[in-house]
Amino acid sequence: MNKQSIIVSPTLLYMGGATYAYTRYPLTLSTLFAAGMILSGYLMLIARSDIIPDSPSKRLPKK
């Protein structure tokens, strides 16, 4: 688990749930969009915490 997965995974889950809610229930897109922006903001604040490690570097180690 790293900073990127803290943001991306719940956001993708929210997008799927919002799509389902929009097609199944009488919700407006502006309501779903606003809730998604609030969720994304909270997730970005959580990801800034020092407790959560950074993403691993994709560079090869020097020999």
Protein backbone atom coordinates (compact mmCIF):
# COMPACT_ATOMS: atom_id res chain seq x y z
CA MET A 1 0.00 0.00 0.00
CA ASN A 2 1.41 3.36 -1.01
CA LYS A 3 0.24 6.93 -1.63
CA GLN A 4 -0.94 6.20 -5.16
CA SER A 5 -3.05 3.19 -4.17
CA ILE A 6 -4.67 5.20 -1.35
CA ILE A 7 -6.07 7.60 -3.95
CA VAL A 8 -6.68 5.45 -7.04
CA SER A 9 -8.42 2.39 -5.59
CA PRO A 10 -11.22 4.14 -3.67
CA THR A 11 -11.69 6.61 -6.54
CA LEU A 12 -12.25 3.79 -9.02
CA LEU A 13 -14.68 2.13 -6.62
CA TYR A 14 -16.54 5.41 -6.23
CA MET A 15 -16.75 5.89 -10.00
CA GLY A 16 -18.32 2.45 -10.39
CA GLY A 17 -20.75 3.09 -7.55
CA ALA A 18 -21.64 6.52 -8.90
CA THR A 19 -22.31 5.10 -12.35
CA TYR A 20 -24.57 2.45 -10.84
CA ALA A 21 -26.36 5.02 -8.65
CA TYR A 22 -26.90 7.36 -11.60
CA THR A 23 -28.50 4.64 -13.72
CA ARG A 24 -30.51 3.06 -10.88
CA TYR A 25 -31.63 5.98 -8.71
CA PRO A 26 -32.85 9.51 -9.48
CA LEU A 27 -29.58 11.30 -8.64
CA THR A 28 -28.18 14.20 -10.59
CA LEU A 29 -24.70 14.20 -12.05
CA SER A 30 -23.82 17.39 -10.18
CA THR A 31 -24.54 15.68 -6.84
CA LEU A 32 -22.44 12.65 -7.73
CA PHE A 33 -19.64 14.83 -9.08
CA ALA A 34 -19.56 16.97 -5.93
CA ALA A 35 -19.44 13.89 -3.69
CA GLY A 36 -16.61 12.48 -5.81
CA MET A 37 -14.61 15.69 -5.51
CA ILE A 38 -15.04 15.69 -1.73
CA LEU A 39 -13.95 12.05 -1.55
CA SER A 40 -10.91 12.75 -3.74
CA GLY A 41 -9.94 15.70 -1.54
CA TYR A 42 -10.11 13.60 1.62
CA LEU A 43 -8.07 10.85 0.02
CA MET A 44 -5.39 13.32 -1.09
CA LEU A 45 -5.17 14.70 2.44
CA ILE A 46 -4.79 11.19 3.84
CA ALA A 47 -2.12 10.36 1.24
CA ARG A 48 -0.03 13.35 2.39
CA SER A 49 0.43 11.69 5.77
CA ASP A 50 3.93 10.52 6.67
CA ILE A 51 2.53 7.18 7.84
CA ILE A 52 1.81 6.10 4.25
CA PRO A 53 4.97 5.29 2.25
CA ASP A 54 5.79 6.84 -1.12
CA SER A 55 5.48 4.86 -4.32
CA PRO A 56 8.49 2.66 -4.97
CA SER A 57 10.99 3.98 -7.47
CA LYS A 58 10.92 2.29 -10.87
CA ARG A 59 14.59 2.97 -11.55
CA LEU A 60 17.05 0.14 -11.59
CA PRO A 61 19.59 0.18 -8.79
CA LYS A 62 23.07 1.41 -9.69
CA LYS A 63 25.77 -1.23 -9.98
